[in-house]
Amino acid sequence: MVVATWTPKKNTAAKLKNAAHATAIFGERTLVDITVAIELAASFIPFRKSKIRAMEIVIIIKVSIKKLHEN
């Protein structure tokens, strides 16, 4: 006879707290949703900075082209 025991897989996100993972495995309420929301919001900040920098570059290019046409 073969005795099989189910064990949960521990595929967890790298940045979340270990305590949140441990309690989530047992099915208890955790702050994982809040942590994920915070990490997601923080990940958008580089895009905002990139947009500002891209707009600066576009302005520089437009000014340069305008100066070329004036000469």
C-alpha atoms as a PDB file:
ATOM      1  CA  MET A   1       0.000   0.000   0.000  1.00  0.00           C
ATOM      2  CA  VAL A   2       1.206   3.524  -0.881  1.00  0.00           C
ATOM      3  CA  VAL A   3       0.447   6.367   1.470  1.00  0.00           C
ATOM      4  CA  ALA A   4       0.300   9.756  -0.249  1.00  0.00           C
ATOM      5  CA  THR A   5       0.397  13.043   1.565  1.00  0.00           C
ATOM      6  CA  TRP A   6      -0.487  16.307  -0.136  1.00  0.00           C
ATOM      7  CA  THR A   7       1.992  19.101   0.420  1.00  0.00           C
ATOM      8  CA  PRO A   8       1.410  22.636  -0.870  1.00  0.00           C
ATOM      9  CA  LYS A   9       3.846  24.080  -3.393  1.00  0.00           C
ATOM     10  CA  LYS A  10       5.781  27.052  -2.114  1.00  0.00           C
ATOM     11  CA  ASN A  11       5.921  29.177  -5.252  1.00  0.00           C
ATOM     12  CA  THR A  12       6.000  32.576  -3.626  1.00  0.00           C
ATOM     13  CA  ALA A  13       6.845  36.074  -4.758  1.00  0.00           C
ATOM     14  CA  ALA A  14      10.394  37.144  -4.011  1.00  0.00           C
ATOM     15  CA  LYS A  15       9.631  40.535  -2.448  1.00  0.00           C
ATOM     16  CA  LEU A  16       6.807  39.651  -0.071  1.00  0.00           C
ATOM     17  CA  LYS A  17       7.484  39.112   3.607  1.00  0.00           C
ATOM     18  CA  ASN A  18       8.139  35.562   4.837  1.00  0.00           C
ATOM     19  CA  ALA A  19       5.525  35.888   7.579  1.00  0.00           C
ATOM     20  CA  ALA A  20       2.887  36.726   4.990  1.00  0.00           C
ATOM     21  CA  HIS A  21       3.840  33.639   2.978  1.00  0.00           C
ATOM     22  CA  ALA A  22       3.683  31.397   6.029  1.00  0.00           C
ATOM     23  CA  THR A  23       0.223  32.571   7.062  1.00  0.00           C
ATOM     24  CA  ALA A  24      -1.040  32.526   3.480  1.00  0.00           C
ATOM     25  CA  ILE A  25      -0.104  28.848   3.179  1.00  0.00           C
ATOM     26  CA  PHE A  26      -2.321  28.053   6.158  1.00  0.00           C
ATOM     27  CA  GLY A  27      -5.193  30.040   4.642  1.00  0.00           C
ATOM     28  CA  GLU A  28      -5.284  32.728   7.294  1.00  0.00           C
ATOM     29  CA  ARG A  29      -5.905  36.361   6.524  1.00  0.00           C
ATOM     30  CA  THR A  30      -2.743  38.262   5.601  1.00  0.00           C
ATOM     31  CA  LEU A  31      -1.623  41.635   4.354  1.00  0.00           C
ATOM     32  CA  VAL A  32      -0.427  40.126   1.071  1.00  0.00           C
ATOM     33  CA  ASP A  33      -3.027  42.044  -0.964  1.00  0.00           C
ATOM     34  CA  ILE A  34      -1.896  45.330   0.542  1.00  0.00           C
ATOM     35  CA  THR A  35       1.774  44.487   0.020  1.00  0.00           C
ATOM     36  CA  VAL A  36       1.147  43.573  -3.615  1.00  0.00           C
ATOM     37  CA  ALA A  37      -0.751  46.830  -4.166  1.00  0.00           C
ATOM     38  CA  ILE A  38       2.108  48.850  -2.666  1.00  0.00           C
ATOM     39  CA  GLU A  39       4.726  47.052  -4.781  1.00  0.00           C
ATOM     40  CA  LEU A  40       2.627  47.581  -7.915  1.00  0.00           C
ATOM     41  CA  ALA A  41       2.217  51.287  -7.211  1.00  0.00           C
ATOM     42  CA  ALA A  42       5.946  51.657  -6.558  1.00  0.00           C
ATOM     43  CA  SER A  43       6.759  49.931  -9.837  1.00  0.00           C
ATOM     44  CA  PHE A  44       4.984  52.688 -11.802  1.00  0.00           C
ATOM     45  CA  ILE A  45       7.314  55.433 -10.520  1.00  0.00           C
ATOM     46  CA  PRO A  46      10.123  54.665 -13.025  1.00  0.00           C
ATOM     47  CA  PHE A  47       7.621  55.012 -15.879  1.00  0.00           C
ATOM     48  CA  ARG A  48       6.608  58.454 -14.626  1.00  0.00           C
ATOM     49  CA  LYS A  49      10.263  59.510 -14.431  1.00  0.00           C
ATOM     50  CA  SER A  50      10.902  58.106 -17.911  1.00  0.00           C
ATOM     51  CA  LYS A  51       7.968  60.072 -19.323  1.00  0.00           C
ATOM     52  CA  ILE A  52       9.282  63.337 -17.889  1.00  0.00           C
ATOM     53  CA  ARG A  53      12.764  62.648 -19.281  1.00  0.00           C
ATOM     54  CA  ALA A  54      11.333  61.693 -22.683  1.00  0.00           C
ATOM     55  CA  MET A  55       9.381  64.960 -22.822  1.00  0.00           C
ATOM     56  CA  GLU A  56      12.566  66.917 -22.038  1.00  0.00           C
ATOM     57  CA  ILE A  57      14.378  65.144 -24.871  1.00  0.00           C
ATOM     58  CA  VAL A  58      11.556  65.917 -27.318  1.00  0.00           C
ATOM     59  CA  ILE A  59      11.733  69.608 -26.406  1.00  0.00           C
ATOM     60  CA  ILE A  60      15.520  69.635 -26.891  1.00  0.00           C
ATOM     61  CA  ILE A  61      15.167  67.981 -30.303  1.00  0.00           C
ATOM     62  CA  LYS A  62      12.465  70.429 -31.408  1.00  0.00           C
ATOM     63  CA  VAL A  63      14.592  73.414 -30.365  1.00  0.00           C
ATOM     64  CA  SER A  64      17.616  71.965 -32.181  1.00  0.00           C
ATOM     65  CA  ILE A  65      15.628  71.405 -35.382  1.00  0.00           C
ATOM     66  CA  LYS A  66      14.223  74.928 -35.182  1.00  0.00           C
ATOM     67  CA  LYS A  67      17.747  76.370 -34.852  1.00  0.00           C
ATOM     68  CA  LEU A  68      18.914  74.339 -37.860  1.00  0.00           C
ATOM     69  CA  HIS A  69      16.099  75.713 -40.018  1.00  0.00           C
ATOM     70  CA  GLU A  70      16.838  79.311 -38.943  1.00  0.00           C
ATOM     71  CA  ASN A  71      20.452  79.105 -40.158  1.00  0.00           C
END
